[in-house]
Structure formats: structure tokens, C-alpha cells
PDB file of N, CA and C in Angstrom:
ATOM      1  N   MET A   1       0.485   5.061 -32.203  1.00  0.00           N
ATOM      2  CA  MET A   1      -0.485   5.054 -31.342  1.00  0.00           C
ATOM      3  C   MET A   1      -1.268   3.825 -31.658  1.00  0.00           C
ATOM      4  N   ALA A   2      -1.267   3.248 -32.898  1.00  0.00           N
ATOM      5  CA  ALA A   2      -2.176   2.026 -33.498  1.00  0.00           C
ATOM      6  C   ALA A   2      -1.450   0.825 -32.726  1.00  0.00           C
ATOM      7  N   VAL A   3      -0.341   0.748 -32.780  1.00  0.00           N
ATOM      8  CA  VAL A   3       0.463  -0.266 -32.125  1.00  0.00           C
ATOM      9  C   VAL A   3      -0.076  -0.496 -30.346  1.00  0.00           C
ATOM     10  N   ILE A   4       0.315   0.463 -29.791  1.00  0.00           N
ATOM     11  CA  ILE A   4      -0.322   0.629 -28.256  1.00  0.00           C
ATOM     12  C   ILE A   4      -1.632   0.096 -28.265  1.00  0.00           C
ATOM     13  N   PHE A   5      -2.937   0.897 -29.091  1.00  0.00           N
ATOM     14  CA  PHE A   5      -3.851   0.181 -28.946  1.00  0.00           C
ATOM     15  C   PHE A   5      -4.062  -1.435 -29.383  1.00  0.00           C
ATOM     16  N   THR A   6      -3.497  -1.771 -30.129  1.00  0.00           N
ATOM     17  CA  THR A   6      -3.423  -3.077 -30.976  1.00  0.00           C
ATOM     18  C   THR A   6      -3.047  -4.156 -29.805  1.00  0.00           C
ATOM     19  N   ASN A   7      -1.729  -3.630 -29.239  1.00  0.00           N
ATOM     20  CA  ASN A   7      -1.254  -4.493 -28.125  1.00  0.00           C
ATOM     21  C   ASN A   7      -2.079  -4.539 -26.871  1.00  0.00           C
ATOM     22  N   LYS A   8      -2.908  -3.348 -26.728  1.00  0.00           N
ATOM     23  CA  LYS A   8      -3.591  -3.242 -25.349  1.00  0.00           C
ATOM     24  C   LYS A   8      -4.958  -4.251 -25.466  1.00  0.00           C
ATOM     25  N   ALA A   9      -5.471  -4.209 -26.733  1.00  0.00           N
ATOM     26  CA  ALA A   9      -6.349  -5.387 -26.922  1.00  0.00           C
ATOM     27  C   ALA A   9      -5.958  -6.577 -27.436  1.00  0.00           C
ATOM     28  N   ILE A  10      -4.797  -6.896 -27.677  1.00  0.00           N
ATOM     29  CA  ILE A  10      -4.610  -8.199 -27.871  1.00  0.00           C
ATOM     30  C   ILE A  10      -4.373  -8.748 -26.181  1.00  0.00           C
ATOM     31  N   MET A  11      -3.640  -8.191 -25.280  1.00  0.00           N
ATOM     32  CA  MET A  11      -3.220  -8.647 -24.032  1.00  0.00           C
ATOM     33  C   MET A  11      -4.630  -8.471 -23.038  1.00  0.00           C
ATOM     34  N   THR A  12      -5.461  -7.573 -23.267  1.00  0.00           N
ATOM     35  CA  THR A  12      -6.493  -7.563 -22.380  1.00  0.00           C
ATOM     36  C   THR A  12      -8.049  -8.444 -22.903  1.00  0.00           C
ATOM     37  N   GLN A  13      -7.999  -8.054 -24.002  1.00  0.00           N
ATOM     38  CA  GLN A  13      -9.496  -8.588 -24.552  1.00  0.00           C
ATOM     39  C   GLN A  13      -9.067 -10.174 -24.879  1.00  0.00           C
ATOM     40  N   TYR A  14      -8.471 -10.595 -25.379  1.00  0.00           N
ATOM     41  CA  TYR A  14      -8.018 -11.826 -25.953  1.00  0.00           C
ATOM     42  C   TYR A  14      -7.322 -12.815 -24.626  1.00  0.00           C
ATOM     43  N   ASN A  15      -6.876 -11.732 -23.511  1.00  0.00           N
ATOM     44  CA  ASN A  15      -5.855 -12.428 -22.476  1.00  0.00           C
ATOM     45  C   ASN A  15      -4.775 -13.095 -23.057  1.00  0.00           C
ATOM     46  N   PHE A  16      -4.069 -12.466 -23.942  1.00  0.00           N
ATOM     47  CA  PHE A  16      -2.946 -13.322 -24.326  1.00  0.00           C
ATOM     48  C   PHE A  16      -1.747 -12.731 -23.200  1.00  0.00           C
ATOM     49  N   PRO A  17      -0.991 -13.879 -22.712  1.00  0.00           N
ATOM     50  CA  PRO A  17      -0.298 -13.862 -21.708  1.00  0.00           C
ATOM     51  C   PRO A  17       1.357 -13.468 -22.066  1.00  0.00           C
ATOM     52  N   PHE A  18       1.350 -13.620 -23.366  1.00  0.00           N
ATOM     53  CA  PHE A  18       3.043 -13.820 -23.837  1.00  0.00           C
ATOM     54  C   PHE A  18       3.356 -12.447 -24.460  1.00  0.00           C
ATOM     55  N   PHE A  19       3.630 -11.376 -23.430  1.00  0.00           N
ATOM     56  CA  PHE A  19       4.060 -10.323 -24.184  1.00  0.00           C
ATOM     57  C   PHE A  19       5.414 -10.250 -24.975  1.00  0.00           C
ATOM     58  N   ASP A  20       6.431 -11.091 -24.153  1.00  0.00           N
ATOM     59  CA  ASP A  20       8.037 -11.452 -25.059  1.00  0.00           C
ATOM     60  C   ASP A  20       7.756 -11.772 -26.267  1.00  0.00           C
ATOM     61  N   PHE A  21       6.511 -12.700 -26.401  1.00  0.00           N
ATOM     62  CA  PHE A  21       6.632 -13.337 -27.870  1.00  0.00           C
ATOM     63  C   PHE A  21       5.780 -12.280 -28.659  1.00  0.00           C
ATOM     64  N   LEU A  22       4.916 -11.176 -28.322  1.00  0.00           N
ATOM     65  CA  LEU A  22       4.375 -10.138 -28.918  1.00  0.00           C
ATOM     66  C   LEU A  22       5.553  -9.501 -29.345  1.00  0.00           C
ATOM     67  N   ALA A  23       6.309  -8.804 -28.707  1.00  0.00           N
ATOM     68  CA  ALA A  23       7.667  -8.146 -28.737  1.00  0.00           C
ATOM     69  C   ALA A  23       8.232  -9.057 -29.993  1.00  0.00           C
ATOM     70  N   ALA A  24       8.460 -10.327 -29.806  1.00  0.00           N
ATOM     71  CA  ALA A  24       9.399 -10.858 -30.823  1.00  0.00           C
ATOM     72  C   ALA A  24       8.828 -10.742 -32.262  1.00  0.00           C
ATOM     73  N   VAL A  25       7.385 -10.696 -32.217  1.00  0.00           N
ATOM     74  CA  VAL A  25       6.759 -10.660 -33.474  1.00  0.00           C
ATOM     75  C   VAL A  25       7.249  -9.387 -34.214  1.00  0.00           C
ATOM     76  N   GLN A  26       6.972  -8.220 -32.837  1.00  0.00           N
ATOM     77  CA  GLN A  26       7.320  -6.965 -33.739  1.00  0.00           C
ATOM     78  C   GLN A  26       8.358  -6.655 -33.943  1.00  0.00           C
ATOM     79  N   PHE A  27       9.617  -7.343 -33.597  1.00  0.00           N
ATOM     80  CA  PHE A  27      10.682  -7.206 -33.931  1.00  0.00           C
ATOM     81  C   PHE A  27      10.918  -7.652 -35.233  1.00  0.00           C
ATOM     82  N   LEU A  28      10.529  -8.917 -35.390  1.00  0.00           N
ATOM     83  CA  LEU A  28      10.402  -9.698 -36.728  1.00  0.00           C
ATOM     84  C   LEU A  28       9.693  -9.047 -37.743  1.00  0.00           C
ATOM     85  N   SER A  29       8.577  -8.458 -37.405  1.00  0.00           N
ATOM     86  CA  SER A  29       8.015  -7.944 -38.712  1.00  0.00           C
ATOM     87  C   SER A  29       8.773  -6.424 -39.149  1.00  0.00           C
ATOM     88  N   THR A  30       9.088  -5.689 -38.151  1.00  0.00           N
ATOM     89  CA  THR A  30       9.855  -4.653 -38.404  1.00  0.00           C
ATOM     90  C   THR A  30      11.140  -4.997 -39.320  1.00  0.00           C
ATOM     91  N   SER A  31      12.027  -6.195 -38.888  1.00  0.00           N
ATOM     92  CA  SER A  31      13.248  -6.894 -39.952  1.00  0.00           C
ATOM     93  C   SER A  31      12.718  -6.977 -41.018  1.00  0.00           C
ATOM     94  N   PHE A  32      11.345  -7.531 -41.462  1.00  0.00           N
ATOM     95  CA  PHE A  32      10.851  -7.732 -42.440  1.00  0.00           C
ATOM     96  C   PHE A  32      10.690  -6.881 -43.489  1.00  0.00           C
ATOM     97  N   VAL A  33       9.998  -5.573 -43.071  1.00  0.00           N
ATOM     98  CA  VAL A  33       9.711  -4.412 -43.701  1.00  0.00           C
ATOM     99  C   VAL A  33      11.133  -3.881 -43.822  1.00  0.00           C
ATOM    100  N   LEU A  34      11.979  -3.783 -43.106  1.00  0.00           N
ATOM    101  CA  LEU A  34      13.097  -3.135 -43.457  1.00  0.00           C
ATOM    102  C   LEU A  34      13.930  -3.725 -44.495  1.00  0.00           C
ATOM    103  N   THR A  35      13.737  -5.265 -44.440  1.00  0.00           N
ATOM    104  CA  THR A  35      14.798  -6.001 -45.459  1.00  0.00           C
ATOM    105  C   THR A  35      14.224  -5.596 -46.940  1.00  0.00           C
ATOM    106  N   VAL A  36      12.696  -5.807 -46.964  1.00  0.00           N
ATOM    107  CA  VAL A  36      12.028  -5.294 -48.251  1.00  0.00           C
ATOM    108  C   VAL A  36      12.326  -4.046 -48.712  1.00  0.00           C
ATOM    109  N   LEU A  37      12.259  -3.052 -47.762  1.00  0.00           N
ATOM    110  CA  LEU A  37      12.656  -1.691 -48.255  1.00  0.00           C
ATOM    111  C   LEU A  37      14.174  -1.535 -48.763  1.00  0.00           C
ATOM    112  N   ILE A  38      15.121  -2.090 -48.012  1.00  0.00           N
ATOM    113  CA  ILE A  38      16.529  -2.321 -48.722  1.00  0.00           C
ATOM    114  C   ILE A  38      16.520  -3.048 -50.158  1.00  0.00           C
ATOM    115  N   LEU A  39      15.747  -4.190 -50.183  1.00  0.00           N
ATOM    116  CA  LEU A  39      15.587  -4.823 -51.594  1.00  0.00           C
ATOM    117  C   LEU A  39      15.165  -3.775 -52.588  1.00  0.00           C
ATOM    118  N   MET A  40      14.451  -3.203 -52.342  1.00  0.00           N
ATOM    119  CA  MET A  40      13.620  -2.099 -52.798  1.00  0.00           C
ATOM    120  C   MET A  40      14.253  -0.873 -53.467  1.00  0.00           C
ATOM    121  N   LYS A  41      15.232  -0.624 -52.412  1.00  0.00           N
ATOM    122  CA  LYS A  41      16.543   0.366 -52.631  1.00  0.00           C
ATOM    123  C   LYS A  41      15.902   1.660 -52.471  1.00  0.00           C
ATOM    124  N   LYS A  42      14.734   1.446 -51.319  1.00  0.00           N
ATOM    125  CA  LYS A  42      14.418   2.725 -50.668  1.00  0.00           C
ATOM    126  C   LYS A  42      14.876   3.232 -49.476  1.00  0.00           C
ATOM    127  N   VAL A  43      15.737   2.388 -48.685  1.00  0.00           N
ATOM    128  CA  VAL A  43      16.507   2.805 -47.488  1.00  0.00           C
ATOM    129  C   VAL A  43      18.123   2.201 -47.655  1.00  0.00           C
ATOM    130  N   ASP A  44      18.859   3.242 -47.242  1.00  0.00           N
ATOM    131  CA  ASP A  44      20.131   2.325 -47.673  1.00  0.00           C
ATOM    132  C   ASP A  44      20.845   2.199 -46.015  1.00  0.00           C
ATOM    133  N   ILE A  45      20.783   1.080 -45.561  1.00  0.00           N
ATOM    134  CA  ILE A  45      21.729   0.928 -44.380  1.00  0.00           C
ATOM    135  C   ILE A  45      22.550   0.046 -44.742  1.00  0.00           C
ATOM    136  N   PRO A  46      24.077   0.287 -43.778  1.00  0.00           N
ATOM    137  CA  PRO A  46      25.211  -0.059 -44.155  1.00  0.00           C
ATOM    138  C   PRO A  46      25.195  -1.422 -43.599  1.00  0.00           C
ATOM    139  N   TYR A  47      26.242  -2.229 -44.136  1.00  0.00           N
ATOM    140  CA  TYR A  47      25.835  -3.960 -43.785  1.00  0.00           C
ATOM    141  C   TYR A  47      26.578  -4.139 -42.208  1.00  0.00           C
ATOM    142  N   LEU A  48      26.244  -5.047 -41.576  1.00  0.00           N
ATOM    143  CA  LEU A  48      26.602  -5.198 -40.159  1.00  0.00           C
ATOM    144  C   LEU A  48      27.984  -5.859 -39.931  1.00  0.00           C
ATOM    145  N   ASN A  49      28.841  -5.200 -39.212  1.00  0.00           N
ATOM    146  CA  ASN A  49      30.057  -5.671 -39.074  1.00  0.00           C
ATOM    147  C   ASN A  49      30.490  -5.683 -37.642  1.00  0.00           C
ATOM    148  N   ALA A  50      31.604  -6.070 -37.023  1.00  0.00           N
ATOM    149  CA  ALA A  50      31.812  -6.249 -35.879  1.00  0.00           C
ATOM    150  C   ALA A  50      31.893  -5.056 -35.206  1.00  0.00           C
ATOM    151  N   THR A  51      32.449  -3.903 -35.884  1.00  0.00           N
ATOM    152  CA  THR A  51      32.747  -2.512 -35.230  1.00  0.00           C
ATOM    153  C   THR A  51      31.077  -1.914 -35.217  1.00  0.00           C
ATOM    154  N   ILE A  52      30.472  -1.983 -36.005  1.00  0.00           N
ATOM    155  CA  ILE A  52      28.855  -1.225 -35.695  1.00  0.00           C
ATOM    156  C   ILE A  52      28.121  -2.170 -34.846  1.00  0.00           C
ATOM    157  N   ALA A  53      28.390  -3.456 -34.688  1.00  0.00           N
ATOM    158  CA  ALA A  53      27.538  -4.256 -33.862  1.00  0.00           C
ATOM    159  C   ALA A  53      28.066  -3.962 -32.303  1.00  0.00           C
ATOM    160  N   LEU A  54      29.372  -3.915 -32.410  1.00  0.00           N
ATOM    161  CA  LEU A  54      29.712  -3.372 -30.740  1.00  0.00           C
ATOM    162  C   LEU A  54      29.071  -1.900 -30.476  1.00  0.00           C
ATOM    163  N   GLU A  55      29.097  -1.229 -31.365  1.00  0.00           N
ATOM    164  CA  GLU A  55      28.416   0.061 -31.412  1.00  0.00           C
ATOM    165  C   GLU A  55      27.134   0.261 -31.058  1.00  0.00           C
ATOM    166  N   ILE A  56      26.538  -0.498 -31.643  1.00  0.00           N
ATOM    167  CA  ILE A  56      24.772  -0.595 -31.158  1.00  0.00           C
ATOM    168  C   ILE A  56      24.220  -1.283 -30.125  1.00  0.00           C
ATOM    169  N   PHE A  57      25.118  -2.095 -29.514  1.00  0.00           N
ATOM    170  CA  PHE A  57      24.946  -3.196 -28.885  1.00  0.00           C
ATOM    171  C   PHE A  57      24.046  -2.599 -27.575  1.00  0.00           C
ATOM    172  N   PRO A  58      24.591  -1.856 -26.579  1.00  0.00           N
ATOM    173  CA  PRO A  58      24.494  -1.009 -25.498  1.00  0.00           C
ATOM    174  C   PRO A  58      22.839  -0.759 -25.841  1.00  0.00           C
ATOM    175  N   VAL A  59      22.919   0.192 -27.224  1.00  0.00           N
ATOM    176  CA  VAL A  59      21.427   0.822 -27.610  1.00  0.00           C
ATOM    177  C   VAL A  59      20.564  -0.001 -27.438  1.00  0.00           C
ATOM    178  N   SER A  60      20.621  -1.059 -28.423  1.00  0.00           N
ATOM    179  CA  SER A  60      20.081  -2.023 -28.740  1.00  0.00           C
ATOM    180  C   SER A  60      19.260  -3.051 -27.524  1.00  0.00           C
ATOM    181  N   MET A  61      20.255  -3.110 -26.414  1.00  0.00           N
ATOM    182  CA  MET A  61      19.747  -3.780 -25.320  1.00  0.00           C
ATOM    183  C   MET A  61      18.828  -3.140 -24.357  1.00  0.00           C
ATOM    184  N   MET A  62      19.196  -1.824 -24.483  1.00  0.00           N
ATOM    185  CA  MET A  62      18.315  -0.665 -23.632  1.00  0.00           C
ATOM    186  C   MET A  62      16.947  -0.768 -24.305  1.00  0.00           C
ATOM    187  N   PHE A  63      16.952  -0.659 -25.639  1.00  0.00           N
ATOM    188  CA  PHE A  63      15.620  -0.786 -26.517  1.00  0.00           C
ATOM    189  C   PHE A  63      14.914  -1.721 -26.305  1.00  0.00           C
ATOM    190  N   LEU A  64      15.233  -3.369 -26.021  1.00  0.00           N
ATOM    191  CA  LEU A  64      14.872  -4.292 -26.059  1.00  0.00           C
ATOM    192  C   LEU A  64      14.280  -4.318 -24.605  1.00  0.00           C
ATOM    193  N   GLY A  65      14.952  -3.809 -23.674  1.00  0.00           N
ATOM    194  CA  GLY A  65      14.266  -3.698 -22.279  1.00  0.00           C
ATOM    195  C   GLY A  65      13.189  -2.669 -22.238  1.00  0.00           C
ATOM    196  N   ASN A  66      13.053  -1.631 -22.818  1.00  0.00           N
ATOM    197  CA  ASN A  66      12.370  -0.732 -22.783  1.00  0.00           C
ATOM    198  C   ASN A  66      10.919  -1.323 -23.488  1.00  0.00           C
ATOM    199  N   VAL A  67      11.196  -1.928 -24.608  1.00  0.00           N
ATOM    200  CA  VAL A  67       9.724  -2.328 -25.367  1.00  0.00           C
ATOM    201  C   VAL A  67       9.427  -3.605 -24.409  1.00  0.00           C
ATOM    202  N   ILE A  68      10.165  -4.695 -24.193  1.00  0.00           N
ATOM    203  CA  ILE A  68       9.723  -5.705 -23.057  1.00  0.00           C
ATOM    204  C   ILE A  68       9.128  -4.771 -21.861  1.00  0.00           C
ATOM    205  N   CYS A  69       9.743  -3.857 -21.148  1.00  0.00           N
ATOM    206  CA  CYS A  69       8.822  -3.601 -20.098  1.00  0.00           C
ATOM    207  C   CYS A  69       7.555  -3.031 -20.401  1.00  0.00           C
ATOM    208  N   GLY A  70       7.589  -2.137 -21.448  1.00  0.00           N
ATOM    209  CA  GLY A  70       6.211  -1.679 -21.924  1.00  0.00           C
ATOM    210  C   GLY A  70       5.329  -2.194 -22.265  1.00  0.00           C
ATOM    211  N   LEU A  71       5.712  -3.592 -22.823  1.00  0.00           N
ATOM    212  CA  LEU A  71       4.494  -4.408 -23.313  1.00  0.00           C
ATOM    213  C   LEU A  71       4.360  -5.068 -22.157  1.00  0.00           C
ATOM    214  N   GLY A  72       4.992  -5.362 -21.241  1.00  0.00           N
ATOM    215  CA  GLY A  72       4.444  -5.782 -19.567  1.00  0.00           C
ATOM    216  C   GLY A  72       3.414  -5.177 -19.001  1.00  0.00           C
ATOM    217  N   SER A  73       3.977  -4.024 -18.814  1.00  0.00           N
ATOM    218  CA  SER A  73       2.868  -2.914 -18.380  1.00  0.00           C
ATOM    219  C   SER A  73       1.846  -2.551 -19.126  1.00  0.00           C
ATOM    220  N   THR A  74       1.830  -2.776 -20.318  1.00  0.00           N
ATOM    221  CA  THR A  74       0.568  -2.678 -21.250  1.00  0.00           C
ATOM    222  C   THR A  74      -0.632  -3.124 -20.292  1.00  0.00           C
ATOM    223  N   LYS A  75      -0.429  -4.744 -20.245  1.00  0.00           N
ATOM    224  CA  LYS A  75      -1.476  -5.537 -20.003  1.00  0.00           C
ATOM    225  C   LYS A  75      -2.013  -4.826 -18.268  1.00  0.00           C
ATOM    226  N   SER A  76      -0.842  -4.499 -17.390  1.00  0.00           N
ATOM    227  CA  SER A  76      -1.365  -4.427 -16.193  1.00  0.00           C
ATOM    228  C   SER A  76      -2.016  -2.835 -15.849  1.00  0.00           C
ATOM    229  N   LEU A  77      -1.640  -2.046 -16.588  1.00  0.00           N
ATOM    230  CA  LEU A  77      -2.127  -0.422 -16.511  1.00  0.00           C
ATOM    231  C   LEU A  77      -3.222  -0.131 -17.653  1.00  0.00           C
ATOM    232  N   ASN A  78      -4.058   0.729 -17.046  1.00  0.00           N
ATOM    233  CA  ASN A  78      -5.413   1.372 -18.143  1.00  0.00           C
ATOM    234  C   ASN A  78      -4.340   1.992 -18.905  1.00  0.00           C
ATOM    235  N   LEU A  79      -5.031   2.314 -20.166  1.00  0.00           N
ATOM    236  CA  LEU A  79      -4.138   3.019 -21.202  1.00  0.00           C
ATOM    237  C   LEU A  79      -4.266   4.317 -21.104  1.00  0.00           C
ATOM    238  N   PRO A  80      -4.737   5.346 -20.357  1.00  0.00           N
ATOM    239  CA  PRO A  80      -4.587   6.669 -20.219  1.00  0.00           C
ATOM    240  C   PRO A  80      -3.111   6.780 -19.243  1.00  0.00           C
ATOM    241  N   MET A  81      -3.173   5.919 -18.123  1.00  0.00           N
ATOM    242  CA  MET A  81      -1.552   5.753 -17.073  1.00  0.00           C
ATOM    243  C   MET A  81      -0.597   5.342 -17.993  1.00  0.00           C
ATOM    244  N   PHE A  82      -0.862   4.358 -19.053  1.00  0.00           N
ATOM    245  CA  PHE A  82       0.205   3.969 -19.509  1.00  0.00           C
ATOM    246  C   PHE A  82       0.885   5.006 -20.800  1.00  0.00           C
ATOM    247  N   THR A  83      -0.258   6.089 -21.204  1.00  0.00           N
ATOM    248  CA  THR A  83       0.127   6.927 -22.309  1.00  0.00           C
ATOM    249  C   THR A  83       0.842   7.856 -21.315  1.00  0.00           C
ATOM    250  N   ALA A  84       0.376   8.251 -20.210  1.00  0.00           N
ATOM    251  CA  ALA A  84       0.808   9.431 -19.517  1.00  0.00           C
ATOM    252  C   ALA A  84       2.478   8.885 -19.141  1.00  0.00           C
ATOM    253  N   LEU A  85       2.754   7.849 -18.720  1.00  0.00           N
ATOM    254  CA  LEU A  85       4.125   7.311 -18.256  1.00  0.00           C
ATOM    255  C   LEU A  85       5.018   7.413 -19.362  1.00  0.00           C
ATOM    256  N   ARG A  86       4.741   7.135 -20.413  1.00  0.00           N
ATOM    257  CA  ARG A  86       5.450   6.964 -21.872  1.00  0.00           C
ATOM    258  C   ARG A  86       5.904   8.328 -22.044  1.00  0.00           C
ATOM    259  N   ARG A  87       4.911   9.538 -21.849  1.00  0.00           N
ATOM    260  CA  ARG A  87       5.034  10.929 -22.242  1.00  0.00           C
ATOM    261  C   ARG A  87       5.964  11.141 -21.094  1.00  0.00           C
ATOM    262  N   PHE A  88       5.957  10.918 -20.041  1.00  0.00           N
ATOM    263  CA  PHE A  88       7.151  11.168 -18.741  1.00  0.00           C
ATOM    264  C   PHE A  88       8.591  10.808 -18.965  1.00  0.00           C
ATOM    265  N   SER A  89       8.397   9.263 -19.629  1.00  0.00           N
ATOM    266  CA  SER A  89       9.593   9.031 -19.724  1.00  0.00           C
ATOM    267  C   SER A  89      10.523   9.884 -20.680  1.00  0.00           C
ATOM    268  N   ILE A  90      10.018  10.231 -21.400  1.00  0.00           N
ATOM    269  CA  ILE A  90      10.779  11.250 -22.685  1.00  0.00           C
ATOM    270  C   ILE A  90      11.424  12.626 -21.741  1.00  0.00           C
ATOM    271  N   MET A  91      10.703  13.131 -20.598  1.00  0.00           N
ATOM    272  CA  MET A  91      11.357  14.155 -20.050  1.00  0.00           C
ATOM    273  C   MET A  91      12.387  13.482 -19.148  1.00  0.00           C
ATOM    274  N   MET A  92      12.200  12.203 -18.296  1.00  0.00           N
ATOM    275  CA  MET A  92      13.273  11.856 -17.606  1.00  0.00           C
ATOM    276  C   MET A  92      14.501  11.419 -18.292  1.00  0.00           C
ATOM    277  N   THR A  93      14.494  11.146 -19.682  1.00  0.00           N
ATOM    278  CA  THR A  93      15.691  10.783 -20.557  1.00  0.00           C
ATOM    279  C   THR A  93      16.087  12.082 -20.789  1.00  0.00           C
ATOM    280  N   MET A  94      15.536  13.036 -20.859  1.00  0.00           N
ATOM    281  CA  MET A  94      16.339  14.289 -21.190  1.00  0.00           C
ATOM    282  C   MET A  94      16.835  14.807 -19.876  1.00  0.00           C
ATOM    283  N   ILE A  95      16.473  14.803 -18.912  1.00  0.00           N
ATOM    284  CA  ILE A  95      17.077  14.930 -17.569  1.00  0.00           C
ATOM    285  C   ILE A  95      18.490  14.122 -17.108  1.00  0.00           C
ATOM    286  N   ALA A  96      18.338  12.711 -17.624  1.00  0.00           N
ATOM    287  CA  ALA A  96      19.323  12.049 -17.053  1.00  0.00           C
ATOM    288  C   ALA A  96      20.224  12.446 -18.307  1.00  0.00           C
ATOM    289  N   GLU A  97      20.166  12.734 -19.532  1.00  0.00           N
ATOM    290  CA  GLU A  97      21.106  12.969 -20.582  1.00  0.00           C
ATOM    291  C   GLU A  97      21.942  14.298 -20.158  1.00  0.00           C
ATOM    292  N   LEU A  98      20.945  15.142 -19.626  1.00  0.00           N
ATOM    293  CA  LEU A  98      21.600  16.607 -18.947  1.00  0.00           C
ATOM    294  C   LEU A  98      22.666  16.130 -17.631  1.00  0.00           C
ATOM    295  N   CYS A  99      22.145  15.068 -16.710  1.00  0.00           N
ATOM    296  CA  CYS A  99      23.218  14.914 -15.645  1.00  0.00           C
ATOM    297  C   CYS A  99      24.284  13.851 -16.060  1.00  0.00           C
ATOM    298  N   PHE A 100      24.025  12.803 -16.912  1.00  0.00           N
ATOM    299  CA  PHE A 100      25.022  12.000 -16.404  1.00  0.00           C
ATOM    300  C   PHE A 100      25.924  12.060 -18.112  1.00  0.00           C
ATOM    301  N   LEU A 101      25.560  12.789 -19.137  1.00  0.00           N
ATOM    302  CA  LEU A 101      26.205  13.034 -20.350  1.00  0.00           C
ATOM    303  C   LEU A 101      26.479  14.461 -20.853  1.00  0.00           C
ATOM    304  N   ASN A 102      26.146  15.487 -19.831  1.00  0.00           N
ATOM    305  CA  ASN A 102      26.101  16.835 -19.943  1.00  0.00           C
ATOM    306  C   ASN A 102      25.799  17.248 -21.238  1.00  0.00           C
ATOM    307  N   ASN A 103      24.627  16.772 -21.795  1.00  0.00           N
ATOM    308  CA  ASN A 103      23.967  16.968 -23.019  1.00  0.00           C
ATOM    309  C   ASN A 103      22.668  17.608 -22.694  1.00  0.00           C
ATOM    310  N   ARG A 104      22.897  19.187 -23.274  1.00  0.00           N
ATOM    311  CA  ARG A 104      21.468  19.639 -23.127  1.00  0.00           C
ATOM    312  C   ARG A 104      20.979  19.677 -24.221  1.00  0.00           C
ATOM    313  N   PRO A 105      19.268  19.673 -24.314  1.00  0.00           N
ATOM    314  CA  PRO A 105      18.557  19.618 -25.608  1.00  0.00           C
ATOM    315  C   PRO A 105      18.614  21.034 -25.804  1.00  0.00           C
ATOM    316  N   SER A 106      18.040  21.070 -27.459  1.00  0.00           N
ATOM    317  CA  SER A 106      17.929  22.452 -27.826  1.00  0.00           C
ATOM    318  C   SER A 106      16.412  22.915 -27.237  1.00  0.00           C
ATOM    319  N   TYR A 107      16.598  24.265 -27.448  1.00  0.00           N
ATOM    320  CA  TYR A 107      15.152  25.046 -26.667  1.00  0.00           C
ATOM    321  C   TYR A 107      13.867  24.280 -27.296  1.00  0.00           C
ATOM    322  N   SER A 108      13.944  24.068 -28.595  1.00  0.00           N
ATOM    323  CA  SER A 108      12.689  23.946 -29.103  1.00  0.00           C
ATOM    324  C   SER A 108      12.238  22.358 -28.800  1.00  0.00           C
ATOM    325  N   ILE A 109      13.349  21.329 -28.529  1.00  0.00           N
ATOM    326  CA  ILE A 109      12.823  20.353 -28.193  1.00  0.00           C
ATOM    327  C   ILE A 109      12.419  20.071 -26.802  1.00  0.00           C
ATOM    328  N   SER A 110      13.108  21.072 -26.017  1.00  0.00           N
ATOM    329  CA  SER A 110      12.553  21.197 -24.551  1.00  0.00           C
ATOM    330  C   SER A 110      11.313  21.729 -24.431  1.00  0.00           C
ATOM    331  N   LYS A 111      10.860  22.679 -25.387  1.00  0.00           N
ATOM    332  CA  LYS A 111       9.574  23.385 -25.414  1.00  0.00           C
ATOM    333  C   LYS A 111       8.725  22.233 -25.730  1.00  0.00           C
ATOM    334  N   HIS A 112       8.651  21.458 -26.639  1.00  0.00           N
ATOM    335  CA  HIS A 112       7.802  20.563 -27.315  1.00  0.00           C
ATOM    336  C   HIS A 112       7.784  19.369 -25.945  1.00  0.00           C
ATOM    337  N   CYS A 113       8.798  18.985 -25.510  1.00  0.00           N
ATOM    338  CA  CYS A 113       8.383  18.206 -24.002  1.00  0.00           C
ATOM    339  C   CYS A 113       7.728  18.674 -22.911  1.00  0.00           C
ATOM    340  N   ILE A 114       7.952  19.778 -22.998  1.00  0.00           N
ATOM    341  CA  ILE A 114       7.127  20.608 -21.922  1.00  0.00           C
ATOM    342  C   ILE A 114       5.701  20.745 -22.293  1.00  0.00           C
ATOM    343  N   TYR A 115       5.323  20.798 -23.385  1.00  0.00           N
ATOM    344  CA  TYR A 115       4.098  21.137 -24.021  1.00  0.00           C
ATOM    345  C   TYR A 115       3.505  19.571 -23.899  1.00  0.00           C
ATOM    346  N   PHE A 116       3.973  18.602 -24.310  1.00  0.00           N
ATOM    347  CA  PHE A 116       3.624  17.463 -24.001  1.00  0.00           C
ATOM    348  C   PHE A 116       3.457  16.712 -22.711  1.00  0.00           C
ATOM    349  N   CYS A 117       4.274  17.300 -21.849  1.00  0.00           N
ATOM    350  CA  CYS A 117       4.022  16.764 -20.311  1.00  0.00           C
ATOM    351  C   CYS A 117       2.863  17.429 -19.540  1.00  0.00           C
ATOM    352  N   ASP A 118       2.872  18.847 -20.153  1.00  0.00           N
ATOM    353  CA  ASP A 118       1.488  19.669 -19.820  1.00  0.00           C
ATOM    354  C   ASP A 118       0.188  19.222 -20.353  1.00  0.00           C
ATOM    355  N   THR A 119       0.174  18.445 -21.500  1.00  0.00           N
ATOM    356  CA  THR A 119      -1.127  17.967 -21.861  1.00  0.00           C
ATOM    357  C   THR A 119      -1.748  16.576 -20.954  1.00  0.00           C
ATOM    358  N   LEU A 120      -0.887  16.137 -20.483  1.00  0.00           N
ATOM    359  CA  LEU A 120      -1.220  15.027 -19.370  1.00  0.00           C
ATOM    360  C   LEU A 120      -2.147  15.535 -18.654  1.00  0.00           C
TER     361      LEU A 120
END
């Protein structure tokens, strides 16, 4: 939640137009924190090889698109509408998984999704 409020403040109050730069800074910050945690032996992440890179590439590109589109829309939408759309996207992802992957979420996950969509 703090990241959403910070992004909204940077892009609206300070009129910062480069949401793609903001996304790059967030990715670099996350990479730095993960590197520090690896060096401190707090997390264990496997070394990147060609097999792992090919497996995670599609998901990484979809995540990058999601972040860039989300940051781009943060400037255009008011905060309540942006939050509502982010919550609704979880339910749409579950429906898409059911339709395309035949992956039915567990009852507890479905119950939480319905609860969060009802709080909108």
C-alpha cells in the first residue's frame, strides 16, 4: 500500500511524467535488496542458467507489463478507482486460469477473493 501511495504522490503532486523510469528504479531497488539478502544468507535463490531463464521469461515479461501499465494508470486514475481495479484484476486472473488452464483455485482462496471484491 505504501508503494501505491508513494507512486501516486510522485506522479501527481510532483508531476513526474516518467512512470517507466519509476518502474526501473523499483526493479533495481528490489534487485539490490535481494542481493544483500543473498549475501547475508537470509534467502536462497538458485543461480540463473539458460533453463531457468527460459522458464521464467514469459512470467517476467507479463509482470513487467503489469507493473508498467499499473504505474501508467496510477497517474491517470484517482486512488480509489486504481485500488478497485487492482482488486478486480485478481478475480479476473482466477477466471482466466479456470478458462485457459483448467486450474480451479481452492475454496479458501476463492472465499478471500470474493470477500475482497465485496469490500469495493
